[in-house]
N, C-alpha and C. Protein backbone atom coordinates (compact mmCIF):
# COMPACT_ATOMS: atom_id res chain seq x y z
N MET A 1 86.30 125.74 168.84
CA MET A 1 87.54 125.37 169.49
C MET A 1 88.51 125.54 168.23
N ILE A 2 89.56 126.23 168.72
CA ILE A 2 90.69 126.49 167.59
C ILE A 2 91.70 125.34 167.31
N ASP A 3 91.83 124.94 166.16
CA ASP A 3 92.88 123.94 165.87
C ASP A 3 94.19 124.56 166.07
N PRO A 4 95.25 124.08 167.03
CA PRO A 4 96.47 124.49 167.02
C PRO A 4 97.26 124.24 165.67
N ALA A 5 97.04 123.39 164.95
CA ALA A 5 97.70 123.14 163.68
C ALA A 5 97.20 124.37 162.67
N ASN A 6 95.90 124.79 162.72
CA ASN A 6 95.53 126.05 161.81
C ASN A 6 96.49 127.28 162.32
N VAL A 7 96.46 127.40 163.71
CA VAL A 7 96.97 128.60 164.00
C VAL A 7 98.52 128.59 163.70
N LEU A 8 99.09 127.36 164.05
CA LEU A 8 100.47 127.17 163.49
C LEU A 8 100.84 127.76 162.05
N ALA A 9 99.85 127.16 161.25
CA ALA A 9 99.81 127.44 159.67
C ALA A 9 99.75 129.21 159.41
N ILE A 10 98.97 129.63 160.21
CA ILE A 10 98.67 131.13 160.04
C ILE A 10 99.92 131.71 160.18
N VAL A 11 100.59 131.68 161.80
CA VAL A 11 101.57 132.13 162.20
C VAL A 11 102.81 132.04 161.39
N LEU A 12 102.89 130.85 160.61
CA LEU A 12 104.21 130.46 159.74
C LEU A 12 103.77 131.45 158.59
N MET A 13 102.59 131.48 157.90
CA MET A 13 102.47 131.98 156.77
C MET A 13 102.46 133.45 157.13
N ALA A 14 102.35 134.07 158.23
CA ALA A 14 102.57 135.53 158.37
C ALA A 14 103.87 135.69 158.48
N SER A 15 104.60 134.98 159.20
CA SER A 15 105.87 135.36 159.48
C SER A 15 106.85 135.21 158.07
N VAL A 16 106.42 134.31 157.26
CA VAL A 16 107.29 134.15 155.82
C VAL A 16 106.82 135.20 154.79
N THR A 17 105.46 135.71 154.98
CA THR A 17 105.20 136.81 154.41
C THR A 17 105.77 138.13 154.83
N TYR A 18 105.98 138.18 156.03
CA TYR A 18 106.72 139.60 156.70
C TYR A 18 108.16 139.50 156.28
N LEU A 19 108.84 138.09 156.44
CA LEU A 19 110.10 138.14 155.99
C LEU A 19 110.63 138.34 154.62
N THR A 20 109.55 137.97 153.45
CA THR A 20 109.79 138.30 152.26
C THR A 20 109.72 139.81 151.86
N ARG A 21 108.79 140.47 152.86
CA ARG A 21 108.85 141.77 152.41
C ARG A 21 109.85 142.75 153.11
N ILE A 22 110.31 142.35 154.28
CA ILE A 22 111.63 143.08 154.88
C ILE A 22 112.95 142.75 154.01
N GLY A 23 112.96 141.47 153.49
CA GLY A 23 114.13 140.98 152.96
C GLY A 23 114.83 141.67 151.92
N GLY A 24 114.14 142.05 150.89
CA GLY A 24 114.61 143.09 149.93
C GLY A 24 115.17 144.39 150.75
N TYR A 25 114.50 144.90 151.59
CA TYR A 25 114.85 146.17 152.26
C TYR A 25 116.22 145.89 152.85
N VAL A 26 116.22 144.87 153.69
CA VAL A 26 117.63 144.44 154.46
C VAL A 26 118.60 144.15 153.46
N VAL A 27 118.53 143.45 152.58
CA VAL A 27 119.48 143.11 151.47
C VAL A 27 120.00 144.53 150.45
N LEU A 28 119.05 145.21 150.16
CA LEU A 28 119.53 146.32 149.49
C LEU A 28 119.66 147.83 150.12
N ARG A 29 119.37 147.86 151.55
CA ARG A 29 119.36 149.09 152.27
C ARG A 29 120.48 150.04 152.02
N ASN A 30 121.75 149.40 151.89
CA ASN A 30 122.94 150.11 151.64
C ASN A 30 123.88 150.17 150.30
N ARG A 31 122.97 150.00 149.39
CA ARG A 31 123.46 149.52 147.97
C ARG A 31 122.76 150.80 147.08
N THR A 32 123.64 151.27 146.07
CA THR A 32 123.20 151.91 145.14
C THR A 32 122.77 151.18 143.93
N LEU A 33 121.62 151.27 143.54
CA LEU A 33 121.03 150.28 142.29
C LEU A 33 121.46 151.13 141.00
N SER A 34 121.84 150.08 140.13
CA SER A 34 122.21 150.59 138.85
C SER A 34 120.70 150.98 138.10
N ARG A 35 120.81 151.84 137.10
CA ARG A 35 119.41 152.12 136.42
C ARG A 35 118.61 151.02 135.99
N ARG A 36 119.30 149.92 135.59
CA ARG A 36 118.49 148.62 135.19
C ARG A 36 117.68 147.96 136.32
N ALA A 37 118.60 147.85 137.32
CA ALA A 37 118.09 147.41 138.79
C ALA A 37 116.76 147.99 139.16
N THR A 38 117.18 149.36 139.16
CA THR A 38 115.91 150.20 139.58
C THR A 38 114.66 149.98 138.83
N ALA A 39 114.86 150.09 137.48
CA ALA A 39 113.89 149.41 136.55
C ALA A 39 112.95 148.09 136.77
N VAL A 40 114.03 147.16 137.08
CA VAL A 40 113.44 146.03 137.54
C VAL A 40 112.74 146.11 138.80
N MET A 41 113.10 146.77 139.77
CA MET A 41 112.47 146.76 141.18
C MET A 41 111.29 147.58 141.02
N GLU A 42 111.18 148.56 140.13
CA GLU A 42 109.97 149.10 139.68
C GLU A 42 108.84 148.55 138.98
N ALA A 43 109.18 147.70 138.28
CA ALA A 43 108.33 146.77 137.52
C ALA A 43 108.00 145.22 138.40
N ALA A 44 108.37 145.11 139.38
CA ALA A 44 108.12 143.90 140.15
C ALA A 44 106.80 144.08 140.55
N PRO A 45 106.30 145.16 141.04
CA PRO A 45 104.71 144.92 141.57
C PRO A 45 103.73 144.60 140.41
N GLY A 46 104.15 145.15 139.08
CA GLY A 46 103.28 144.82 137.95
C GLY A 46 103.22 143.42 137.64
N CYS A 47 104.57 142.64 137.90
CA CYS A 47 104.71 141.34 137.51
C CYS A 47 103.94 140.60 138.50
N VAL A 48 103.98 140.82 139.89
CA VAL A 48 103.15 140.16 140.57
C VAL A 48 101.64 140.39 140.65
N LEU A 49 101.21 141.63 140.19
CA LEU A 49 99.80 141.42 139.90
C LEU A 49 99.25 140.81 138.58
N ILE A 50 100.09 140.68 137.60
CA ILE A 50 99.58 139.93 136.53
C ILE A 50 99.73 138.48 136.74
N SER A 51 100.67 137.92 137.87
CA SER A 51 100.74 136.52 138.33
C SER A 51 99.29 136.30 139.13
N VAL A 52 98.77 137.27 139.66
CA VAL A 52 97.74 136.97 140.42
C VAL A 52 96.39 137.11 139.47
N ILE A 53 96.27 137.74 138.46
CA ILE A 53 95.19 137.62 137.43
C ILE A 53 95.42 136.95 136.41
N ALA A 54 96.49 136.16 136.21
CA ALA A 54 96.85 135.22 134.95
C ALA A 54 95.95 134.25 134.91
N PRO A 55 95.52 133.59 135.99
CA PRO A 55 94.50 132.55 135.70
C PRO A 55 93.03 132.93 135.22
N ASP A 56 92.90 134.05 135.16
CA ASP A 56 91.59 134.60 134.55
C ASP A 56 91.52 134.51 133.16
N PHE A 57 92.80 134.49 132.45
CA PHE A 57 93.01 134.43 131.26
C PHE A 57 92.24 133.37 130.55
N VAL A 58 92.47 132.16 131.28
CA VAL A 58 92.07 130.99 130.72
C VAL A 58 90.64 130.56 131.49
N SER A 59 90.03 131.69 132.06
CA SER A 59 88.65 131.39 132.71
C SER A 59 87.45 131.28 131.70
N LYS A 60 86.53 130.43 132.37
CA LYS A 60 85.35 130.13 131.22
C LYS A 60 84.08 131.31 131.85
N ASN A 61 84.34 131.77 132.86
CA ASN A 61 83.41 132.78 133.48
C ASN A 61 83.34 133.99 132.67
N PRO A 62 82.45 134.59 131.92
CA PRO A 62 82.34 135.76 131.55
C PRO A 62 82.42 136.94 132.24
N ALA A 63 82.19 136.95 133.53
CA ALA A 63 82.29 137.96 134.42
C ALA A 63 83.60 138.25 134.63
N ASP A 64 84.51 137.12 134.80
CA ASP A 64 85.99 137.20 134.84
C ASP A 64 86.61 137.81 133.72
N LEU A 65 86.31 137.33 132.82
CA LEU A 65 86.69 137.72 131.42
C LEU A 65 86.73 139.30 131.17
N ALA A 66 85.29 139.75 131.43
CA ALA A 66 85.10 141.19 131.26
C ALA A 66 85.77 141.95 132.25
N ALA A 67 85.74 141.30 133.51
CA ALA A 67 86.75 142.26 134.51
C ALA A 67 88.15 142.33 134.18
N LEU A 68 88.64 141.07 133.61
CA LEU A 68 90.19 141.29 132.94
C LEU A 68 90.33 142.25 131.92
N ALA A 69 89.23 142.21 130.95
CA ALA A 69 89.60 143.27 129.98
C ALA A 69 89.31 144.79 130.45
N ILE A 70 88.56 145.04 131.40
CA ILE A 70 88.42 146.12 132.08
C ILE A 70 89.59 146.59 132.84
N THR A 71 90.39 145.61 133.44
CA THR A 71 91.62 146.03 134.11
C THR A 71 92.65 146.10 133.14
N VAL A 72 92.74 145.22 132.05
CA VAL A 72 93.84 145.69 131.14
C VAL A 72 93.67 146.88 130.53
N LEU A 73 92.49 147.44 130.14
CA LEU A 73 92.19 148.71 129.60
C LEU A 73 92.56 149.82 130.73
N ALA A 74 92.44 149.59 132.02
CA ALA A 74 92.67 150.57 133.11
C ALA A 74 94.24 150.66 133.09
N ALA A 75 94.93 149.45 132.86
CA ALA A 75 96.40 149.57 133.07
C ALA A 75 96.99 150.42 132.21
N THR A 76 96.61 150.34 130.80
CA THR A 76 96.97 151.10 129.80
C THR A 76 96.95 152.46 129.84
N ARG A 77 96.18 152.78 130.75
CA ARG A 77 95.77 154.52 130.93
C ARG A 77 96.13 155.02 132.20
N LEU A 78 96.16 154.30 133.21
CA LEU A 78 96.27 154.54 134.85
C LEU A 78 97.46 153.87 135.44
N SER A 79 97.86 154.61 136.49
CA SER A 79 98.89 154.22 137.35
C SER A 79 98.52 152.65 138.12
N MET A 80 99.35 152.39 138.92
CA MET A 80 99.04 150.91 139.40
C MET A 80 97.56 150.86 140.64
N LEU A 81 97.70 151.47 141.31
CA LEU A 81 96.81 151.84 142.36
C LEU A 81 95.28 151.89 141.94
N PRO A 82 94.81 153.02 141.01
CA PRO A 82 93.71 152.73 140.33
C PRO A 82 93.42 151.79 139.35
N THR A 83 94.51 151.10 139.10
CA THR A 83 94.14 149.91 138.13
C THR A 83 93.58 148.73 139.17
N VAL A 84 94.38 148.86 140.09
CA VAL A 84 94.09 147.50 141.01
C VAL A 84 92.50 147.86 141.63
N VAL A 85 92.32 149.01 142.06
CA VAL A 85 91.10 149.45 142.71
C VAL A 85 89.84 149.00 141.35
N ILE A 86 90.09 149.56 140.36
CA ILE A 86 89.20 149.36 139.32
C ILE A 86 89.09 148.05 139.00
N GLY A 87 90.09 147.01 138.79
CA GLY A 87 90.10 145.50 138.87
C GLY A 87 89.26 144.75 139.65
N VAL A 88 89.41 145.08 141.03
CA VAL A 88 88.83 144.42 141.95
C VAL A 88 87.27 144.84 141.96
N ALA A 89 87.05 146.23 141.87
CA ALA A 89 85.68 146.51 142.00
C ALA A 89 84.86 145.99 140.74
N SER A 90 85.55 146.12 139.52
CA SER A 90 84.94 145.41 138.33
C SER A 90 84.54 143.77 138.43
N ALA A 91 85.49 143.31 139.02
CA ALA A 91 85.37 141.95 139.26
C ALA A 91 84.20 141.47 140.20
N GLY A 92 84.02 142.22 141.42
CA GLY A 92 83.14 142.04 142.20
C GLY A 92 81.90 142.50 141.95
N VAL A 93 81.59 143.52 141.07
CA VAL A 93 80.17 144.03 140.37
C VAL A 93 79.76 142.94 139.38
N LEU A 94 80.71 142.61 138.33
CA LEU A 94 80.38 141.78 137.34
C LEU A 94 80.29 140.23 137.90
N ARG A 95 80.72 139.86 138.82
CA ARG A 95 80.38 138.44 139.42
C ARG A 95 79.04 138.40 140.33
N HIS A 96 78.91 139.76 140.72
CA HIS A 96 77.53 139.76 141.42
C HIS A 96 76.29 139.91 140.25
N TRP A 97 76.47 140.54 139.16
CA TRP A 97 75.42 140.89 138.24
C TRP A 97 75.45 139.71 137.25
N ILE A 98 76.72 139.15 136.61
CA ILE A 98 76.66 138.17 135.70
C ILE A 98 76.94 136.64 136.47
N GLY A 99 77.40 136.41 137.51
CA GLY A 99 77.53 135.28 138.16
C GLY A 99 78.96 134.84 138.18
């Protein structure tokens, strides 16, 4: 049996996620951004990624720390997508092997 409260929570979270994704487009669609604003918008995905992996900086799990080191190394040499793929794959493999 599906709890209606859980369904409502999922629908609300999906709605908020969708609104945040289209919000930037709706607000900025007819504007010409300055060079600085464009640079900020291009850096935003990296900042979000850092906020996701930041808790691993204080992790005591060696697998997480090793995956973090691999991800940081990949970020210094590769673009965003390969870095994310390498980070996720290394975390999964290392957590499976090391624990």
